[in-house]
Every structure is written in C-alpha cells, then in structure tokens.
Amino acid sequence: MRAPDTPVIVKGEALLAVENVSLRFGGVKALTDVSFDIRKGEVRAIIGPNGAGKTSMLNCINGFYHPSEGRITFKGETRRRMRPFEAARGGIGRTFQNVALFKGMTTLDNIMAGRFLKMRSGFFWQLLRYGPAMREEVEHRRFVEDIIDFLQIQHIRKTPVGKLPYGLQKRVELGRALAMEPELLLLDEPMAGMNLEEKEDMSRFILDVNQQYGTTIALIEHDMGVVMDLSDRVVVLEYGRKIADGTPEEVKRDQRVIDAYLGVAH
C-alpha cells in the first residue's frame, strides 16, 4: 500500500450525514432521533456507555440495519434499504467489535478477501486462475502486499490467523478493510482486548491511514485516552439518544457526558 502524494482534504465538507435516525426492534428503541455528520478527512469518534446504541449506529451506516425513521446520506446520495455489500462497493469499509476473520486462512488470504469486490473477472475464471483472472490476481496481490508492509505484518503473511495473538488478528482485520480502499472506514472498538503496546501500535496505524491516505474514519472506542488523542470530533450517545457533540475538549467538559459516562475522575 504505497503512500500516495499527500491528499488534499477539505475538512468541513460532509461525507456522511445522519439525519433524525431512529431504530426500533419491536417495542425496543435502539436509537431515537439521532443526527450528526462525518466530515471528509476527519476522525470521528462515537462514544457512550454499554447499550448506548453505538454499534447499532454503525450497523445503520453500513446497511446491516435499516433505520425505522430518518435518513442517511453518503456522498450526497440518500441510501435507502442499502445492503452491506452495496455499502462496501460504494466506499464504506468496516471492522467489527469481535474479530470476524477466516481463522483457517492465512493473513495474506484474509486480506485478499477484501479485494473481492474490486475484481472484474467472473467467478469461473477466478476459480481456474487463467488468463485475465490470473493477471488481475497478480495486480490485487501486489496491492495486498503493500498493505502487509504498511501494517508491518510481513512475518505473519503465511500464518493462519487462528494461530495469531488477538492484537495481530485485529491488525489483519484492519488490513482486510483497507484492501477495499474505503472512503469511509468504520472501526468498532479497534483497541478492545489489547495491551498498552498493542493500543499504541493500532493508534499509530489509524492515524497513518487517516493522514497519509486521506481516509475518513468513524470509530467506537471506550479508551478515553485513545479517543481524545485520535479524534477531531466526538458524538456521545446514551440510551440511543445523542447527548453531546463537539471537539474532544468540549465533550469532556460537558456535564451531561460527565454524569452519563466519564465520571468525576475525568
């Protein structure tokens, strides 16, 4: 994944807008009238207590759930009844709270799986690995090798991911999402279960993805040190409702956020 020329990103231009989104499961309200935007080129954090609706919001953004009310606009287009593969094809990548990898496959093959939607040759030719499909695979493999170099995981490229420690599995999952070349990257608790050194490494990679490649990032994270260091803006949810939205400094001084989530110590 060779670093391109530094992209020109105009922060302030909305890449995605969530407008009055509500989500219900029968009589249970997961989200209620939530609105915020994600600006092109920024790192946007979504925080809140457990059960606040954070993952439900990401699921609405990438089409896994469909809002009961409201709308989501991506790149100026309102997406109605969008499915996850359509979101991926349109430029929205995703990692998950619990690692979702093919445990019996190698690091290289897992990241290659992220290139599937970029492949133009049909499944039959891919299966035969012949002609145009072979040339295409070589091209995509070169791109994946660049991602492996970028994430500094050359030493595990042929290792089945099920044999890797948890921190490295999370890095492989990030690599698979990057293989899709997303314009908007959704990260659901990328630091969960990591020790301090692993968190520092992942934080550095997230910043590099944002700054070197101009990728817009929305992340859910419970480590407030990470949130305050990485994010440009923070939106706070509680019981499915937005209670605050602003810069990290503004949010951590907000009394509603202190009462609901951060506590007096912060």
Protein backbone atom coordinates (compact mmCIF):
# COMPACT_ATOMS: atom_id res chain seq x y z
CA MET A 1 0.00 0.00 0.00
CA ARG A 2 2.32 2.69 -1.28
CA ALA A 3 1.77 6.11 0.19
CA PRO A 4 0.33 8.44 -2.45
CA ASP A 5 1.05 12.12 -2.68
CA THR A 6 -0.46 13.78 0.37
CA PRO A 7 -4.18 14.06 -0.47
CA VAL A 8 -5.85 17.44 -0.40
CA ILE A 9 -8.72 17.03 2.05
CA VAL A 10 -11.20 19.81 2.69
CA LYS A 11 -12.35 19.17 6.24
CA GLY A 12 -15.76 20.62 6.85
CA GLU A 13 -17.32 19.07 3.77
CA ALA A 14 -19.77 16.38 4.95
CA LEU A 15 -19.04 12.92 3.57
CA LEU A 16 -21.90 11.29 5.50
CA ALA A 17 -24.93 12.78 7.25
CA VAL A 18 -27.18 11.02 9.77
CA GLU A 19 -30.49 12.86 9.98
CA ASN A 20 -33.08 12.15 12.70
CA VAL A 21 -32.37 8.42 12.65
CA SER A 22 -34.42 6.14 14.88
CA LEU A 23 -34.15 2.35 15.08
CA ARG A 24 -36.66 0.04 16.73
CA PHE A 25 -36.76 -3.69 17.32
CA GLY A 26 -40.40 -4.31 18.20
CA GLY A 27 -41.01 -2.22 21.29
CA VAL A 28 -37.29 -1.67 21.98
CA LYS A 29 -35.78 1.63 20.82
CA ALA A 30 -32.10 1.23 19.98
CA LEU A 31 -31.76 4.75 18.53
CA THR A 32 -34.02 7.79 18.89
CA ASP A 33 -33.85 10.85 16.62
CA VAL A 34 -30.04 10.88 16.26
CA SER A 35 -28.40 13.42 13.95
CA PHE A 36 -24.73 14.13 13.24
CA ASP A 37 -22.34 14.25 10.31
CA ILE A 38 -18.92 12.87 9.44
CA ARG A 39 -16.71 15.31 7.58
CA LYS A 40 -14.36 14.29 4.83
CA GLY A 41 -10.85 13.57 6.13
CA GLU A 42 -11.65 13.60 9.85
CA VAL A 43 -11.51 11.01 12.62
CA ARG A 44 -14.99 10.97 14.18
CA ALA A 45 -15.46 9.15 17.48
CA ILE A 46 -18.75 7.71 18.70
CA ILE A 47 -18.73 7.07 22.45
CA GLY A 48 -21.14 6.23 25.24
CA PRO A 49 -21.92 3.62 27.90
CA ASN A 50 -22.63 -0.01 27.02
CA GLY A 51 -26.03 -0.27 25.39
CA ALA A 52 -25.96 3.34 24.17
CA GLY A 53 -26.60 2.33 20.54
CA LYS A 54 -23.11 2.86 19.14
CA THR A 55 -22.80 -0.40 17.20
CA SER A 56 -26.42 -0.11 16.10
CA MET A 57 -25.49 3.23 14.55
CA LEU A 58 -22.57 1.71 12.63
CA ASN A 59 -24.88 -1.10 11.51
CA CYS A 60 -27.27 1.51 10.10
CA ILE A 61 -24.46 3.32 8.31
CA ASN A 62 -23.19 0.21 6.51
CA GLY A 63 -26.62 -1.22 5.73
CA PHE A 64 -26.77 -4.12 8.18
CA TYR A 65 -29.78 -2.43 9.82
CA HIS A 66 -32.26 -0.11 8.16
CA PRO A 67 -33.46 2.90 10.18
CA SER A 68 -37.09 2.89 11.23
CA GLU A 69 -37.15 6.66 10.70
CA GLY A 70 -34.81 9.33 9.35
CA ARG A 71 -32.23 9.05 6.61
CA ILE A 72 -28.52 8.55 5.99
CA THR A 73 -26.81 10.43 3.16
CA PHE A 74 -23.41 9.32 1.84
CA LYS A 75 -21.53 11.39 -0.76
CA GLY A 76 -24.65 13.46 -1.35
CA GLU A 77 -26.87 10.43 -2.05
CA THR A 78 -29.58 9.21 0.31
CA ARG A 79 -29.18 5.45 0.80
CA ARG A 80 -32.48 3.65 1.28
CA ARG A 81 -32.58 -0.06 2.13
CA MET A 82 -28.87 -0.31 1.37
CA ARG A 83 -27.30 -3.72 1.95
CA PRO A 84 -23.79 -4.26 3.38
CA PHE A 85 -22.22 -5.37 0.09
CA GLU A 86 -23.64 -2.26 -1.58
CA ALA A 87 -22.14 -0.11 1.17
CA ALA A 88 -18.77 -1.83 0.68
CA ARG A 89 -18.94 -1.37 -3.07
CA GLY A 90 -19.85 2.30 -2.57
CA GLY A 91 -16.81 3.02 -0.40
CA ILE A 92 -17.70 2.12 3.23
CA GLY A 93 -15.31 -0.33 4.93
CA ARG A 94 -15.84 -1.95 8.32
CA THR A 95 -14.15 -3.81 11.15
CA PHE A 96 -16.10 -5.46 13.94
CA GLN A 97 -16.24 -5.48 17.73
CA ASN A 98 -15.48 -9.21 17.70
CA VAL A 99 -12.82 -10.25 15.20
CA ALA A 100 -14.52 -11.61 12.06
CA LEU A 101 -11.76 -13.37 10.12
CA PHE A 102 -11.43 -16.69 8.30
CA LYS A 103 -9.44 -18.41 11.03
CA GLY A 104 -8.15 -21.28 8.86
CA MET A 105 -6.86 -18.95 6.15
CA THR A 106 -3.53 -17.13 6.14
CA THR A 107 -3.05 -13.43 6.79
CA LEU A 108 -2.42 -12.91 3.07
CA ASP A 109 -5.59 -14.75 2.02
CA ASN A 110 -7.74 -12.91 4.57
CA ILE A 111 -6.59 -9.53 3.29
CA MET A 112 -7.01 -10.73 -0.32
CA ALA A 113 -10.66 -11.42 0.55
CA GLY A 114 -11.07 -7.67 0.96
CA ARG A 115 -10.27 -7.22 -2.75
CA PHE A 116 -13.14 -9.44 -3.95
CA LEU A 117 -15.48 -6.56 -4.84
CA LYS A 118 -12.65 -4.93 -6.83
CA MET A 119 -12.24 -7.96 -9.11
CA ARG A 120 -13.76 -7.70 -12.59
CA SER A 121 -13.26 -11.25 -13.92
CA GLY A 122 -16.05 -13.75 -13.32
CA PHE A 123 -16.03 -16.40 -10.61
CA PHE A 124 -15.38 -19.19 -13.16
CA TRP A 125 -12.18 -17.57 -14.43
CA GLN A 126 -11.09 -16.76 -10.88
CA LEU A 127 -11.57 -20.41 -9.99
CA LEU A 128 -9.43 -21.51 -12.94
CA ARG A 129 -6.87 -18.75 -12.28
CA TYR A 130 -6.37 -18.41 -16.01
CA GLY A 131 -5.85 -15.60 -18.48
CA PRO A 132 -7.29 -12.22 -17.40
CA ALA A 133 -8.16 -13.59 -13.96
CA MET A 134 -4.53 -14.55 -13.33
CA ARG A 135 -3.26 -11.12 -14.40
CA GLU A 136 -5.89 -9.47 -12.22
CA GLU A 137 -4.96 -11.60 -9.22
CA VAL A 138 -1.30 -10.60 -9.58
CA GLU A 139 -2.33 -6.93 -9.58
CA HIS A 140 -4.51 -7.31 -6.50
CA ARG A 141 -1.89 -9.39 -4.69
CA ARG A 142 0.65 -6.60 -5.23
CA PHE A 143 -1.77 -4.15 -3.60
CA VAL A 144 -2.29 -6.53 -0.65
CA GLU A 145 1.46 -6.98 -0.19
CA ASP A 146 1.74 -3.20 0.12
CA ILE A 147 -0.89 -3.27 2.90
CA ILE A 148 1.04 -6.04 4.65
CA ASP A 149 4.20 -3.89 4.51
CA PHE A 150 2.26 -0.83 5.73
CA LEU A 151 0.90 -2.71 8.77
CA GLN A 152 4.29 -4.32 9.45
CA ILE A 153 2.96 -7.89 9.40
CA GLN A 154 5.30 -9.39 6.81
CA HIS A 155 6.40 -12.05 9.30
CA ILE A 156 2.87 -13.49 9.59
CA ARG A 157 1.76 -13.24 5.96
CA LYS A 158 1.62 -17.05 5.55
CA THR A 159 0.39 -17.80 9.10
CA PRO A 160 -3.23 -18.97 9.61
CA VAL A 161 -4.89 -16.13 11.51
CA GLY A 162 -6.41 -18.53 14.04
CA LYS A 163 -2.89 -19.07 15.39
CA LEU A 164 -2.18 -15.36 15.86
CA PRO A 165 -2.47 -13.43 19.13
CA TYR A 166 -5.54 -11.25 19.41
CA GLY A 167 -3.76 -7.95 18.78
CA LEU A 168 -2.35 -9.17 15.47
CA GLN A 169 -5.75 -10.55 14.44
CA LYS A 170 -7.18 -7.05 14.90
CA ARG A 171 -4.40 -5.69 12.69
CA VAL A 172 -5.18 -8.27 10.00
CA GLU A 173 -8.85 -7.28 10.13
CA LEU A 174 -7.83 -3.65 9.64
CA GLY A 175 -5.77 -4.77 6.64
CA ARG A 176 -8.74 -6.56 5.11
CA ALA A 177 -10.86 -3.39 5.47
CA LEU A 178 -8.09 -1.29 3.90
CA ALA A 179 -7.94 -3.70 0.95
CA MET A 180 -11.38 -2.40 -0.05
CA GLU A 181 -9.89 1.11 -0.45
CA PRO A 182 -12.72 2.68 1.59
CA GLU A 183 -13.51 6.37 1.57
CA LEU A 184 -15.17 5.93 4.98
CA LEU A 185 -13.72 3.38 7.40
CA LEU A 186 -15.88 2.25 10.34
CA LEU A 187 -13.91 0.85 13.28
CA ASP A 188 -15.90 -0.85 16.05
CA GLU A 189 -13.73 -0.90 19.20
CA PRO A 190 -10.40 -1.40 17.38
CA MET A 191 -8.49 -1.38 20.71
CA ALA A 192 -10.71 -3.84 22.60
CA GLY A 193 -8.76 -6.54 24.41
CA MET A 194 -5.34 -5.02 23.62
CA ASN A 195 -2.47 -4.28 25.95
CA LEU A 196 -0.85 -0.84 26.08
CA GLU A 197 1.80 -1.58 23.43
CA GLU A 198 -0.78 -3.02 21.02
CA LYS A 199 -3.02 0.03 21.54
CA GLU A 200 -0.13 2.36 20.74
CA ASP A 201 0.61 0.44 17.54
CA MET A 202 -3.03 0.43 16.44
CA SER A 203 -3.39 4.15 17.22
CA ARG A 204 -0.38 4.90 15.03
CA PHE A 205 -1.78 2.85 12.14
CA ILE A 206 -5.19 4.55 12.40
CA LEU A 207 -3.57 7.99 12.29
CA ASP A 208 -1.40 6.95 9.33
CA VAL A 209 -4.44 5.66 7.42
CA ASN A 210 -6.20 8.97 8.06
CA GLN A 211 -3.29 11.31 7.39
CA GLN A 212 -1.35 9.53 4.64
CA TYR A 213 -4.27 8.18 2.63
CA GLY A 214 -6.92 10.75 3.45
CA THR A 215 -9.33 8.05 4.65
CA THR A 216 -12.23 9.36 6.72
CA ILE A 217 -12.64 7.31 9.91
CA ALA A 218 -15.52 6.79 12.32
CA LEU A 219 -14.61 4.78 15.40
CA ILE A 220 -16.27 3.43 18.50
CA GLU A 221 -13.86 3.23 21.41
CA HIS A 222 -14.08 3.01 25.21
CA ASP A 223 -10.49 4.06 25.94
CA MET A 224 -10.91 7.79 26.50
CA GLY A 225 -7.19 8.44 26.18
CA VAL A 226 -7.31 7.00 22.66
CA VAL A 227 -10.49 8.94 21.80
CA MET A 228 -9.06 12.25 22.98
CA ASP A 229 -5.76 11.71 21.16
CA LEU A 230 -7.11 10.46 17.82
CA SER A 231 -10.42 12.16 17.15
CA ASP A 232 -11.22 15.52 15.60
CA ARG A 233 -14.81 15.45 16.89
CA VAL A 234 -16.82 13.25 19.23
CA VAL A 235 -20.51 12.39 19.34
CA VAL A 236 -21.87 10.93 22.60
CA LEU A 237 -24.85 8.58 22.83
CA GLU A 238 -26.81 7.50 25.91
CA TYR A 239 -29.75 5.08 25.74
CA GLY A 240 -29.91 5.60 21.98
CA ARG A 241 -30.07 9.41 22.14
CA LYS A 242 -27.39 11.97 21.32
CA ILE A 243 -26.42 13.94 24.43
CA ALA A 244 -23.33 15.79 23.16
CA ASP A 245 -21.37 16.57 20.01
CA GLY A 246 -18.18 18.58 19.61
CA THR A 247 -14.40 18.56 19.89
CA PRO A 248 -12.78 16.23 22.46
CA GLU A 249 -12.15 19.20 24.76
CA GLU A 250 -15.76 20.38 24.54
CA VAL A 251 -17.18 16.92 25.12
CA LYS A 252 -15.06 16.04 28.14
CA ARG A 253 -16.20 19.27 29.85
CA ASP A 254 -19.88 18.66 29.11
CA GLN A 255 -21.69 17.97 32.39
CA ARG A 256 -24.16 15.59 30.72
CA VAL A 257 -21.26 13.48 29.43
CA ILE A 258 -19.53 13.52 32.81
CA ASP A 259 -22.71 12.37 34.54
CA ALA A 260 -23.62 9.71 31.98
CA TYR A 261 -20.24 8.29 31.03
CA LEU A 262 -16.95 9.86 32.03
CA GLY A 263 -17.47 10.27 35.77
CA VAL A 264 -15.95 12.77 38.16
CA ALA A 265 -12.38 11.47 37.75
CA HIS A 266 -12.29 12.76 34.16
